[in-house]
Amino acid sequence: MKTGTLPTFAASAFIALALACGTEVEPTPTPWPTPDNSTVSRIAFASNRDGNWEIYVMNSDGSNPHNVTNNPGRDSHPSWSPDGSKIAFQSERDGNWEIYVMNSDGSEQVRLTNDRGVDQSPTWSPDGTQIAFVSDRGGRHSVWTMNSDDGSVPVDVTGSYVNSRWPAWGPRSRTLAYETVQDVRIVRTDDVQLNEKIVDKNNFFDGFFVGWLDWSPDGKKLAMISNHQERTQFTRLIYTSQLDGFRFRRLYDNPSGLPYERPTWAPDSNMIVYSVKDAEDGDWDIHVVDFTTKETWRLTNDVGAPSDDTLPDWEPRGFVPEFRTFQ
């Protein structure tokens, strides 16, 4: 039985096409962290397969899915730490959506935020020292950062820009891209006055929604979701963009018109995991797509009562296994 809905933002848009503000351009980064080829990478995701929204972890080939939160409150939107030892997530277990951190096995679950506003969508900085998140604690949605170890030093990095959301870290932990009502901006987290518009979102794409942006570990590409208009119907598609210009690539077509959510990159920057609503049973499941061949694989297909598996995040370490079953 499905239990409630997860909070989501209204139709919005954001595309990040630069790594720094103004005229300063950051050098091409090396991949972070250094890929660990000794263990299989993992994927964290949200699921209500046990009757309540929990955080699950599975191997990146879909094997060994297991519940790591086990709490009667709803838990959602997992985000791996760079070394794979911890997971940040949002939870309403205490009556309000707050940001929590736990070890990757589910132990030592600690609340980092404590505010009457809604705190959600955590994302870990590449150097592991900060977590960015979205909060309406000031009466409007803004992007905040805080120390990842204890939640201290919360900073509203988007300032006066109205309804800022969808934060995405640059690969060197010094920049954050985010979306506002009218445009996409990028801010230097060490100097929030360096805040510049990089994209007028009305100039790109056919639809009204662009979201779920994720930088590739090699720092060269962005993955995102956008609506695309096919005659009178809007179809939600996965796009990627090179960071050296306004070059967008539709990863593949979506003839069913079913919605996609949260594409995130594999550690080798060659695959993307995402969630999509199934045309047959109407459930959400986790899929993987090869960036080069566009082959896709379904990783979850929970049998029994209808359930949803969604909002995946790929651990930024470990090796990617060979996917043998093409779907």
C-alpha atoms as a PDB file:
ATOM      1  CA  MET A   1       0.000   0.000   0.000  1.00  0.00           C
ATOM      2  CA  LYS A   2       1.354   3.396  -0.931  1.00  0.00           C
ATOM      3  CA  THR A   3       1.622   5.757   2.018  1.00  0.00           C
ATOM      4  CA  GLY A   4       1.477   9.459   1.265  1.00  0.00           C
ATOM      5  CA  THR A   5       3.511  11.536  -1.119  1.00  0.00           C
ATOM      6  CA  LEU A   6       6.968  13.000  -0.879  1.00  0.00           C
ATOM      7  CA  PRO A   7       7.425  16.789  -1.013  1.00  0.00           C
ATOM      8  CA  THR A   8       8.413  18.064  -4.415  1.00  0.00           C
ATOM      9  CA  PHE A   9       8.850  21.444  -5.984  1.00  0.00           C
ATOM     10  CA  ALA A  10       6.471  22.986  -8.470  1.00  0.00           C
ATOM     11  CA  ALA A  11       7.474  23.306 -12.107  1.00  0.00           C
ATOM     12  CA  SER A  12      10.845  25.004 -12.144  1.00  0.00           C
ATOM     13  CA  ALA A  13      14.015  25.114 -14.172  1.00  0.00           C
ATOM     14  CA  PHE A  14      17.734  25.138 -13.744  1.00  0.00           C
ATOM     15  CA  ILE A  15      20.743  24.515 -15.951  1.00  0.00           C
ATOM     16  CA  ALA A  16      24.348  25.088 -14.849  1.00  0.00           C
ATOM     17  CA  LEU A  17      26.828  25.738 -17.624  1.00  0.00           C
ATOM     18  CA  ALA A  18      29.848  27.153 -15.797  1.00  0.00           C
ATOM     19  CA  LEU A  19      32.010  26.267 -12.837  1.00  0.00           C
ATOM     20  CA  ALA A  20      32.654  29.756 -11.468  1.00  0.00           C
ATOM     21  CA  CYS A  21      31.159  33.212 -11.325  1.00  0.00           C
ATOM     22  CA  GLY A  22      32.195  36.251 -13.301  1.00  0.00           C
ATOM     23  CA  THR A  23      35.244  35.879 -15.490  1.00  0.00           C
ATOM     24  CA  GLU A  24      37.007  33.390 -13.265  1.00  0.00           C
ATOM     25  CA  VAL A  25      36.949  29.848 -14.598  1.00  0.00           C
ATOM     26  CA  GLU A  26      38.037  26.942 -12.447  1.00  0.00           C
ATOM     27  CA  PRO A  27      40.572  24.533 -13.945  1.00  0.00           C
ATOM     28  CA  THR A  28      39.376  21.174 -15.165  1.00  0.00           C
ATOM     29  CA  PRO A  29      39.171  19.035 -12.010  1.00  0.00           C
ATOM     30  CA  THR A  30      40.390  15.523 -11.578  1.00  0.00           C
ATOM     31  CA  PRO A  31      37.732  12.943 -10.711  1.00  0.00           C
ATOM     32  CA  TRP A  32      36.688  12.908  -7.059  1.00  0.00           C
ATOM     33  CA  PRO A  33      37.113  10.857  -5.067  1.00  0.00           C
ATOM     34  CA  THR A  34      39.715   8.589  -6.659  1.00  0.00           C
ATOM     35  CA  PRO A  35      37.714   5.574  -7.899  1.00  0.00           C
ATOM     36  CA  ASP A  36      38.045   2.538  -5.665  1.00  0.00           C
ATOM     37  CA  ASN A  37      38.098  -0.604  -7.802  1.00  0.00           C
ATOM     38  CA  SER A  38      38.140  -3.000  -4.852  1.00  0.00           C
ATOM     39  CA  THR A  39      34.395  -2.985  -4.159  1.00  0.00           C
ATOM     40  CA  VAL A  40      31.194  -2.746  -6.177  1.00  0.00           C
ATOM     41  CA  SER A  41      29.640   0.717  -6.031  1.00  0.00           C
ATOM     42  CA  ARG A  42      26.258   1.076  -4.342  1.00  0.00           C
ATOM     43  CA  ILE A  43      23.067   2.993  -5.020  1.00  0.00           C
ATOM     44  CA  ALA A  44      20.906   4.569  -2.324  1.00  0.00           C
ATOM     45  CA  PHE A  45      17.237   5.247  -3.033  1.00  0.00           C
ATOM     46  CA  ALA A  46      13.876   5.937  -1.384  1.00  0.00           C
ATOM     47  CA  SER A  47      11.197   3.230  -1.357  1.00  0.00           C
ATOM     48  CA  ASN A  48       7.829   2.510   0.238  1.00  0.00           C
ATOM     49  CA  ARG A  49       8.004  -1.241  -0.470  1.00  0.00           C
ATOM     50  CA  ASP A  50       7.627  -1.968   3.254  1.00  0.00           C
ATOM     51  CA  GLY A  51       4.596   0.304   3.612  1.00  0.00           C
ATOM     52  CA  ASN A  52       6.516   3.426   4.616  1.00  0.00           C
ATOM     53  CA  TRP A  53       9.054   5.659   2.881  1.00  0.00           C
ATOM     54  CA  GLU A  54      12.536   4.496   3.879  1.00  0.00           C
ATOM     55  CA  ILE A  55      16.105   4.776   2.577  1.00  0.00           C
ATOM     56  CA  TYR A  56      17.425   1.623   0.922  1.00  0.00           C
ATOM     57  CA  VAL A  57      20.895   0.692  -0.284  1.00  0.00           C
ATOM     58  CA  MET A  58      21.658  -1.882  -2.986  1.00  0.00           C
ATOM     59  CA  ASN A  59      24.643  -2.886  -5.062  1.00  0.00           C
ATOM     60  CA  SER A  60      24.756  -0.992  -8.349  1.00  0.00           C
ATOM     61  CA  ASP A  61      23.725  -4.132 -10.248  1.00  0.00           C
ATOM     62  CA  GLY A  62      20.446  -4.169  -8.275  1.00  0.00           C
ATOM     63  CA  SER A  63      21.404  -6.977  -5.897  1.00  0.00           C
ATOM     64  CA  ASN A  64      21.032  -6.987  -2.108  1.00  0.00           C
ATOM     65  CA  PRO A  65      18.539  -4.138  -1.565  1.00  0.00           C
ATOM     66  CA  HIS A  66      18.065  -3.508   2.141  1.00  0.00           C
ATOM     67  CA  ASN A  67      16.373  -0.951   4.376  1.00  0.00           C
ATOM     68  CA  VAL A  68      18.892   1.163   6.281  1.00  0.00           C
ATOM     69  CA  THR A  69      16.617   3.662   8.076  1.00  0.00           C
ATOM     70  CA  ASN A  70      13.847   1.471   9.593  1.00  0.00           C
ATOM     71  CA  ASN A  71      11.916   4.354  11.121  1.00  0.00           C
ATOM     72  CA  PRO A  72       8.139   4.964  11.276  1.00  0.00           C
ATOM     73  CA  GLY A  73       8.611   8.499   9.920  1.00  0.00           C
ATOM     74  CA  ARG A  74       9.031   9.135   6.199  1.00  0.00           C
ATOM     75  CA  ASP A  75      12.638   9.254   4.936  1.00  0.00           C
ATOM     76  CA  SER A  76      13.669  10.413   1.462  1.00  0.00           C
ATOM     77  CA  HIS A  77      16.283  11.952  -0.863  1.00  0.00           C
ATOM     78  CA  PRO A  78      19.523  10.143   0.079  1.00  0.00           C
ATOM     79  CA  SER A  79      22.896  11.684  -0.781  1.00  0.00           C
ATOM     80  CA  TRP A  80      26.223   9.857  -0.429  1.00  0.00           C
ATOM     81  CA  SER A  81      29.271  11.359   1.212  1.00  0.00           C
ATOM     82  CA  PRO A  82      32.267  11.387  -1.166  1.00  0.00           C
ATOM     83  CA  ASP A  83      33.978   8.473   0.581  1.00  0.00           C
ATOM     84  CA  GLY A  84      30.799   6.366   0.730  1.00  0.00           C
ATOM     85  CA  SER A  85      30.870   6.064   4.512  1.00  0.00           C
ATOM     86  CA  LYS A  86      27.778   8.179   5.217  1.00  0.00           C
ATOM     87  CA  ILE A  87      24.413   9.127   3.727  1.00  0.00           C
ATOM     88  CA  ALA A  88      22.570  12.408   4.198  1.00  0.00           C
ATOM     89  CA  PHE A  89      18.784  12.302   3.848  1.00  0.00           C
ATOM     90  CA  GLN A  90      15.608  14.173   4.723  1.00  0.00           C
ATOM     91  CA  SER A  91      13.107  12.857   7.263  1.00  0.00           C
ATOM     92  CA  GLU A  92       9.900  13.971   8.956  1.00  0.00           C
ATOM     93  CA  ARG A  93      10.240  11.476  11.820  1.00  0.00           C
ATOM     94  CA  ASP A  94      10.127  14.325  14.346  1.00  0.00           C
ATOM     95  CA  GLY A  95       7.053  15.967  12.818  1.00  0.00           C
ATOM     96  CA  ASN A  96       8.821  18.227  10.328  1.00  0.00           C
ATOM     97  CA  TRP A  97      11.129  17.658   7.353  1.00  0.00           C
ATOM     98  CA  GLU A  98      14.725  17.949   8.596  1.00  0.00           C
ATOM     99  CA  ILE A  99      18.177  16.900   7.336  1.00  0.00           C
ATOM    100  CA  TYR A 100      19.808  13.832   8.905  1.00  0.00           C
ATOM    101  CA  VAL A 101      23.103  11.984   8.450  1.00  0.00           C
ATOM    102  CA  MET A 102      23.817   8.315   9.135  1.00  0.00           C
ATOM    103  CA  ASN A 103      26.492   5.737   8.479  1.00  0.00           C
ATOM    104  CA  SER A 104      25.910   3.909   5.211  1.00  0.00           C
ATOM    105  CA  ASP A 105      24.719   0.816   7.115  1.00  0.00           C
ATOM    106  CA  GLY A 106      22.011   2.892   8.837  1.00  0.00           C
ATOM    107  CA  SER A 107      23.709   3.219  12.204  1.00  0.00           C
ATOM    108  CA  GLU A 108      24.160   6.481  14.122  1.00  0.00           C
ATOM    109  CA  GLN A 109      21.304   8.464  12.584  1.00  0.00           C
ATOM    110  CA  VAL A 110      21.815  12.093  13.634  1.00  0.00           C
ATOM    111  CA  ARG A 111      19.659  15.142  12.942  1.00  0.00           C
ATOM    112  CA  LEU A 112      21.620  18.130  11.591  1.00  0.00           C
ATOM    113  CA  THR A 113      18.849  20.739  11.242  1.00  0.00           C
ATOM    114  CA  ASN A 114      16.221  21.816  13.743  1.00  0.00           C
ATOM    115  CA  ASP A 115      13.994  24.523  12.350  1.00  0.00           C
ATOM    116  CA  ARG A 116      10.253  25.089  11.967  1.00  0.00           C
ATOM    117  CA  GLY A 117      10.729  25.451   8.214  1.00  0.00           C
ATOM    118  CA  VAL A 118      10.951  22.547   5.779  1.00  0.00           C
ATOM    119  CA  ASP A 119      14.562  21.441   5.178  1.00  0.00           C
ATOM    120  CA  GLN A 120      15.017  19.058   2.245  1.00  0.00           C
ATOM    121  CA  SER A 121      17.054  17.929  -0.784  1.00  0.00           C
ATOM    122  CA  PRO A 122      20.473  17.532   0.870  1.00  0.00           C
ATOM    123  CA  THR A 123      23.525  17.180  -1.362  1.00  0.00           C
ATOM    124  CA  TRP A 124      27.049  16.527  -0.120  1.00  0.00           C
ATOM    125  CA  SER A 125      29.978  18.676  -1.240  1.00  0.00           C
ATOM    126  CA  PRO A 126      32.770  16.839  -3.110  1.00  0.00           C
ATOM    127  CA  ASP A 127      35.292  17.544  -0.346  1.00  0.00           C
ATOM    128  CA  GLY A 128      32.892  16.160   2.269  1.00  0.00           C
ATOM    129  CA  THR A 129      32.934  19.207   4.534  1.00  0.00           C
ATOM    130  CA  GLN A 130      29.539  20.719   3.695  1.00  0.00           C
ATOM    131  CA  ILE A 131      25.972  19.788   2.858  1.00  0.00           C
ATOM    132  CA  ALA A 132      23.790  22.038   0.717  1.00  0.00           C
ATOM    133  CA  PHE A 133      20.029  21.842   1.167  1.00  0.00           C
ATOM    134  CA  VAL A 134      16.822  23.727   0.422  1.00  0.00           C
ATOM    135  CA  SER A 135      14.851  25.402   3.203  1.00  0.00           C
ATOM    136  CA  ASP A 136      11.837  27.680   3.478  1.00  0.00           C
ATOM    137  CA  ARG A 137      12.815  28.761   6.996  1.00  0.00           C
ATOM    138  CA  GLY A 138      12.940  32.400   5.877  1.00  0.00           C
ATOM    139  CA  GLY A 139       9.456  32.312   4.380  1.00  0.00           C
ATOM    140  CA  ARG A 140      10.701  31.405   0.892  1.00  0.00           C
ATOM    141  CA  HIS A 141      12.770  28.634  -0.625  1.00  0.00           C
ATOM    142  CA  SER A 142      16.512  29.307  -0.416  1.00  0.00           C
ATOM    143  CA  VAL A 143      19.657  27.232  -0.801  1.00  0.00           C
ATOM    144  CA  TRP A 144      21.636  26.856   2.409  1.00  0.00           C
ATOM    145  CA  THR A 145      24.939  25.245   3.311  1.00  0.00           C
ATOM    146  CA  MET A 146      26.075  23.856   6.666  1.00  0.00           C
ATOM    147  CA  ASN A 147      28.947  21.863   8.090  1.00  0.00           C
ATOM    148  CA  SER A 148      28.411  18.180   7.406  1.00  0.00           C
ATOM    149  CA  ASP A 149      29.679  16.910  10.754  1.00  0.00           C
ATOM    150  CA  ASP A 150      27.264  18.716  13.072  1.00  0.00           C
ATOM    151  CA  GLY A 151      25.022  21.039  11.020  1.00  0.00           C
ATOM    152  CA  SER A 152      26.731  24.141  12.366  1.00  0.00           C
ATOM    153  CA  VAL A 153      27.297  27.432  10.518  1.00  0.00           C
ATOM    154  CA  PRO A 154      24.124  27.405   8.372  1.00  0.00           C
ATOM    155  CA  VAL A 155      24.422  30.004   5.601  1.00  0.00           C
ATOM    156  CA  ASP A 156      21.791  31.197   3.143  1.00  0.00           C
ATOM    157  CA  VAL A 157      23.975  31.341   0.020  1.00  0.00           C
ATOM    158  CA  THR A 158      21.267  32.547  -2.366  1.00  0.00           C
ATOM    159  CA  GLY A 159      20.334  35.693  -0.457  1.00  0.00           C
ATOM    160  CA  SER A 160      17.599  37.822  -1.964  1.00  0.00           C
ATOM    161  CA  TYR A 161      16.917  35.649  -5.009  1.00  0.00           C
ATOM    162  CA  VAL A 162      13.318  34.457  -4.719  1.00  0.00           C
ATOM    163  CA  ASN A 163      12.481  30.754  -4.438  1.00  0.00           C
ATOM    164  CA  SER A 164      15.971  29.343  -4.965  1.00  0.00           C
ATOM    165  CA  ARG A 165      16.204  25.548  -5.132  1.00  0.00           C
ATOM    166  CA  TRP A 166      17.750  22.486  -6.820  1.00  0.00           C
ATOM    167  CA  PRO A 167      21.343  22.973  -5.545  1.00  0.00           C
ATOM    168  CA  ALA A 168      24.146  21.211  -7.422  1.00  0.00           C
ATOM    169  CA  TRP A 169      27.779  21.314  -6.312  1.00  0.00           C
ATOM    170  CA  GLY A 170      30.595  22.071  -8.694  1.00  0.00           C
ATOM    171  CA  PRO A 171      33.272  19.358  -8.577  1.00  0.00           C
ATOM    172  CA  ARG A 172      35.751  21.511  -6.639  1.00  0.00           C
ATOM    173  CA  SER A 173      33.346  22.317  -3.752  1.00  0.00           C
ATOM    174  CA  ARG A 174      33.578  26.075  -4.313  1.00  0.00           C
ATOM    175  CA  THR A 175      30.502  26.693  -6.449  1.00  0.00           C
ATOM    176  CA  LEU A 176      26.809  25.891  -6.298  1.00  0.00           C
ATOM    177  CA  ALA A 177      24.365  26.143  -9.169  1.00  0.00           C
ATOM    178  CA  TYR A 178      20.733  26.745  -8.328  1.00  0.00           C
ATOM    179  CA  GLU A 179      17.449  27.797  -9.913  1.00  0.00           C
ATOM    180  CA  THR A 180      15.306  30.846  -9.236  1.00  0.00           C
ATOM    181  CA  VAL A 181      11.937  31.916 -10.611  1.00  0.00           C
ATOM    182  CA  GLN A 182      13.458  33.551 -13.677  1.00  0.00           C
ATOM    183  CA  ASP A 183      16.930  32.189 -14.245  1.00  0.00           C
ATOM    184  CA  VAL A 184      19.761  29.892 -13.258  1.00  0.00           C
ATOM    185  CA  ARG A 185      22.540  31.315 -11.131  1.00  0.00           C
ATOM    186  CA  ILE A 186      25.834  30.166  -9.768  1.00  0.00           C
ATOM    187  CA  VAL A 187      27.330  31.284  -6.467  1.00  0.00           C
ATOM    188  CA  ARG A 188      30.746  31.005  -4.883  1.00  0.00           C
ATOM    189  CA  THR A 189      30.195  29.462  -1.462  1.00  0.00           C
ATOM    190  CA  ASP A 190      33.303  31.169  -0.048  1.00  0.00           C
ATOM    191  CA  ASP A 191      31.979  34.581  -1.159  1.00  0.00           C
ATOM    192  CA  VAL A 192      28.214  34.660  -1.684  1.00  0.00           C
ATOM    193  CA  GLN A 193      28.455  38.151  -3.190  1.00  0.00           C
ATOM    194  CA  LEU A 194      29.910  36.453  -6.280  1.00  0.00           C
ATOM    195  CA  ASN A 195      26.521  35.434  -7.585  1.00  0.00           C
ATOM    196  CA  GLU A 196      25.798  35.640 -11.288  1.00  0.00           C
ATOM    197  CA  LYS A 197      23.098  34.651 -13.741  1.00  0.00           C
ATOM    198  CA  ILE A 198      24.403  32.105 -16.218  1.00  0.00           C
ATOM    199  CA  VAL A 199      21.224  31.010 -18.007  1.00  0.00           C
ATOM    200  CA  ASP A 200      17.904  32.646 -18.750  1.00  0.00           C
ATOM    201  CA  LYS A 201      15.760  29.546 -18.445  1.00  0.00           C
ATOM    202  CA  ASN A 202      13.156  30.918 -20.863  1.00  0.00           C
ATOM    203  CA  ASN A 203      15.687  30.595 -23.691  1.00  0.00           C
ATOM    204  CA  PHE A 204      16.120  26.824 -23.434  1.00  0.00           C
ATOM    205  CA  PHE A 205      13.947  23.737 -23.828  1.00  0.00           C
ATOM    206  CA  ASP A 206      10.292  23.502 -24.795  1.00  0.00           C
ATOM    207  CA  GLY A 207       8.728  22.848 -21.427  1.00  0.00           C
ATOM    208  CA  PHE A 208       8.381  24.534 -18.077  1.00  0.00           C
ATOM    209  CA  PHE A 209      10.243  22.057 -15.884  1.00  0.00           C
ATOM    210  CA  VAL A 210      13.996  21.552 -15.690  1.00  0.00           C
ATOM    211  CA  GLY A 211      15.382  19.929 -12.587  1.00  0.00           C
ATOM    212  CA  TRP A 212      17.420  17.236 -10.849  1.00  0.00           C
ATOM    213  CA  LEU A 213      20.775  18.526 -12.065  1.00  0.00           C
ATOM    214  CA  ASP A 214      23.875  16.443 -11.327  1.00  0.00           C
ATOM    215  CA  TRP A 215      27.525  17.091 -12.195  1.00  0.00           C
ATOM    216  CA  SER A 216      29.470  14.133 -13.596  1.00  0.00           C
ATOM    217  CA  PRO A 217      32.421  13.055 -11.412  1.00  0.00           C
ATOM    218  CA  ASP A 218      34.878  14.038 -14.158  1.00  0.00           C
ATOM    219  CA  GLY A 219      33.452  17.557 -14.057  1.00  0.00           C
ATOM    220  CA  LYS A 220      32.709  17.683 -17.792  1.00  0.00           C
ATOM    221  CA  LYS A 221      28.966  17.054 -18.077  1.00  0.00           C
ATOM    222  CA  LEU A 222      25.656  17.775 -16.400  1.00  0.00           C
ATOM    223  CA  ALA A 223      22.628  15.523 -16.253  1.00  0.00           C
ATOM    224  CA  MET A 224      19.173  17.039 -15.838  1.00  0.00           C
ATOM    225  CA  ILE A 225      15.468  16.429 -16.364  1.00  0.00           C
ATOM    226  CA  SER A 226      13.381  18.609 -18.656  1.00  0.00           C
ATOM    227  CA  ASN A 227       9.959  18.576 -20.228  1.00  0.00           C
ATOM    228  CA  HIS A 228       9.953  18.341 -24.015  1.00  0.00           C
ATOM    229  CA  GLN A 229       6.879  19.231 -26.024  1.00  0.00           C
ATOM    230  CA  GLU A 230       5.721  16.668 -28.571  1.00  0.00           C
ATOM    231  CA  ARG A 231       2.793  18.361 -30.286  1.00  0.00           C
ATOM    232  CA  THR A 232       0.342  18.952 -27.423  1.00  0.00           C
ATOM    233  CA  GLN A 233       1.967  16.630 -24.876  1.00  0.00           C
ATOM    234  CA  PHE A 234       4.890  17.365 -22.606  1.00  0.00           C
ATOM    235  CA  THR A 235       7.309  14.468 -22.208  1.00  0.00           C
ATOM    236  CA  ARG A 236       9.866  14.451 -19.393  1.00  0.00           C
ATOM    237  CA  LEU A 237      13.304  13.512 -20.733  1.00  0.00           C
ATOM    238  CA  ILE A 238      16.891  13.164 -19.534  1.00  0.00           C
ATOM    239  CA  TYR A 239      19.327  15.685 -21.003  1.00  0.00           C
ATOM    240  CA  THR A 240      23.065  16.118 -20.620  1.00  0.00           C
ATOM    241  CA  SER A 241      25.167  19.191 -21.273  1.00  0.00           C
ATOM    242  CA  GLN A 242      28.851  19.811 -21.834  1.00  0.00           C
ATOM    243  CA  LEU A 243      30.264  22.488 -19.575  1.00  0.00           C
ATOM    244  CA  ASP A 244      32.192  24.277 -22.326  1.00  0.00           C
ATOM    245  CA  GLY A 245      29.153  25.815 -23.999  1.00  0.00           C
ATOM    246  CA  PHE A 246      25.444  25.686 -24.707  1.00  0.00           C
ATOM    247  CA  ARG A 247      25.446  22.165 -26.107  1.00  0.00           C
ATOM    248  CA  PHE A 248      22.574  20.010 -24.901  1.00  0.00           C
ATOM    249  CA  ARG A 249      22.040  16.364 -25.717  1.00  0.00           C
ATOM    250  CA  ARG A 250      18.832  14.420 -25.254  1.00  0.00           C
ATOM    251  CA  LEU A 251      20.012  11.134 -23.831  1.00  0.00           C
ATOM    252  CA  TYR A 252      17.207   9.157 -25.456  1.00  0.00           C
ATOM    253  CA  ASP A 253      13.570   9.478 -26.433  1.00  0.00           C
ATOM    254  CA  ASN A 254      10.664   8.777 -24.110  1.00  0.00           C
ATOM    255  CA  PRO A 255       7.798   7.617 -26.351  1.00  0.00           C
ATOM    256  CA  SER A 256       5.657   6.589 -23.371  1.00  0.00           C
ATOM    257  CA  GLY A 257       5.663  10.132 -22.007  1.00  0.00           C
ATOM    258  CA  LEU A 258       6.176   8.825 -18.470  1.00  0.00           C
ATOM    259  CA  PRO A 259       8.046  11.032 -15.985  1.00  0.00           C
ATOM    260  CA  TYR A 260      11.682  10.602 -14.985  1.00  0.00           C
ATOM    261  CA  GLU A 261      13.341  11.740 -11.761  1.00  0.00           C
ATOM    262  CA  ARG A 262      16.808  12.439 -10.377  1.00  0.00           C
ATOM    263  CA  PRO A 263      19.481  11.267 -12.834  1.00  0.00           C
ATOM    264  CA  THR A 264      22.825  10.795 -11.064  1.00  0.00           C
ATOM    265  CA  TRP A 265      26.160   9.718 -12.498  1.00  0.00           C
ATOM    266  CA  ALA A 266      28.145   6.540 -11.897  1.00  0.00           C
ATOM    267  CA  PRO A 267      31.681   6.976 -10.497  1.00  0.00           C
ATOM    268  CA  ASP A 268      33.182   6.457 -13.973  1.00  0.00           C
ATOM    269  CA  SER A 269      30.924   9.144 -15.566  1.00  0.00           C
ATOM    270  CA  ASN A 270      29.773   6.615 -18.188  1.00  0.00           C
ATOM    271  CA  MET A 271      26.378   5.628 -16.773  1.00  0.00           C
ATOM    272  CA  ILE A 272      23.406   7.371 -15.190  1.00  0.00           C
ATOM    273  CA  VAL A 273      20.917   5.952 -12.697  1.00  0.00           C
ATOM    274  CA  TYR A 274      17.413   7.420 -12.548  1.00  0.00           C
ATOM    275  CA  SER A 275      13.848   6.590 -11.521  1.00  0.00           C
ATOM    276  CA  VAL A 276      10.946   6.316 -13.961  1.00  0.00           C
ATOM    277  CA  LYS A 277       7.258   5.522 -13.688  1.00  0.00           C
ATOM    278  CA  ASP A 278       6.441   2.153 -15.263  1.00  0.00           C
ATOM    279  CA  ALA A 279       3.904   2.107 -18.090  1.00  0.00           C
ATOM    280  CA  GLU A 280       2.447  -1.278 -17.093  1.00  0.00           C
ATOM    281  CA  ASP A 281       1.915  -1.174 -13.333  1.00  0.00           C
ATOM    282  CA  GLY A 282       2.255   2.563 -12.657  1.00  0.00           C
ATOM    283  CA  ASP A 283       5.016   2.026 -10.082  1.00  0.00           C
ATOM    284  CA  TRP A 284       8.304   3.906  -9.950  1.00  0.00           C
ATOM    285  CA  ASP A 285      11.455   1.828 -10.472  1.00  0.00           C
ATOM    286  CA  ILE A 286      15.208   2.427 -10.658  1.00  0.00           C
ATOM    287  CA  HIS A 287      16.900   2.155 -14.069  1.00  0.00           C
ATOM    288  CA  VAL A 288      20.421   2.614 -15.422  1.00  0.00           C
ATOM    289  CA  VAL A 289      21.358   3.976 -18.855  1.00  0.00           C
ATOM    290  CA  ASP A 290      24.730   3.749 -20.594  1.00  0.00           C
ATOM    291  CA  PHE A 291      25.723   7.258 -21.646  1.00  0.00           C
ATOM    292  CA  THR A 292      27.410   6.051 -24.859  1.00  0.00           C
ATOM    293  CA  THR A 293      25.247   3.159 -26.086  1.00  0.00           C
ATOM    294  CA  LYS A 294      21.943   4.342 -24.534  1.00  0.00           C
ATOM    295  CA  GLU A 295      21.209   0.778 -23.420  1.00  0.00           C
ATOM    296  CA  THR A 296      19.043   0.643 -20.293  1.00  0.00           C
ATOM    297  CA  TRP A 297      18.638  -1.808 -17.422  1.00  0.00           C
ATOM    298  CA  ARG A 298      15.989  -1.953 -14.717  1.00  0.00           C
ATOM    299  CA  LEU A 299      17.468  -2.500 -11.266  1.00  0.00           C
ATOM    300  CA  THR A 300      14.311  -2.720  -9.129  1.00  0.00           C
ATOM    301  CA  ASN A 301      11.035  -4.537  -9.715  1.00  0.00           C
ATOM    302  CA  ASP A 302       9.534  -5.206  -6.327  1.00  0.00           C
ATOM    303  CA  VAL A 303       6.951  -7.986  -6.521  1.00  0.00           C
ATOM    304  CA  GLY A 304       3.793  -8.199  -4.456  1.00  0.00           C
ATOM    305  CA  ALA A 305       1.969  -5.077  -3.319  1.00  0.00           C
ATOM    306  CA  PRO A 306       2.401  -1.965  -5.484  1.00  0.00           C
ATOM    307  CA  SER A 307       5.371   0.111  -4.359  1.00  0.00           C
ATOM    308  CA  ASP A 308       7.663   2.854  -5.594  1.00  0.00           C
ATOM    309  CA  ASP A 309      11.459   2.961  -5.770  1.00  0.00           C
ATOM    310  CA  THR A 310      12.692   6.452  -6.572  1.00  0.00           C
ATOM    311  CA  LEU A 311      15.250   9.267  -6.072  1.00  0.00           C
ATOM    312  CA  PRO A 312      18.439   7.192  -6.540  1.00  0.00           C
ATOM    313  CA  ASP A 313      21.940   8.441  -5.773  1.00  0.00           C
ATOM    314  CA  TRP A 314      25.028   6.571  -7.026  1.00  0.00           C
ATOM    315  CA  GLU A 315      27.864   6.154  -4.541  1.00  0.00           C
ATOM    316  CA  PRO A 316      30.851   8.171  -5.845  1.00  0.00           C
ATOM    317  CA  ARG A 317      33.330   5.322  -5.304  1.00  0.00           C
ATOM    318  CA  GLY A 318      33.693   1.651  -6.186  1.00  0.00           C
ATOM    319  CA  PHE A 319      33.598  -0.035  -9.576  1.00  0.00           C
ATOM    320  CA  VAL A 320      30.564  -0.351 -11.825  1.00  0.00           C
ATOM    321  CA  PRO A 321      29.633  -3.999 -12.492  1.00  0.00           C
ATOM    322  CA  GLU A 322      28.836  -5.414 -15.905  1.00  0.00           C
ATOM    323  CA  PHE A 323      25.122  -5.285 -16.626  1.00  0.00           C
ATOM    324  CA  ARG A 324      24.215  -8.522 -18.362  1.00  0.00           C
ATOM    325  CA  THR A 325      20.438  -8.273 -18.763  1.00  0.00           C
ATOM    326  CA  PHE A 326      19.408  -5.694 -21.336  1.00  0.00           C
ATOM    327  CA  GLN A 327      15.879  -4.327 -20.943  1.00  0.00           C
END
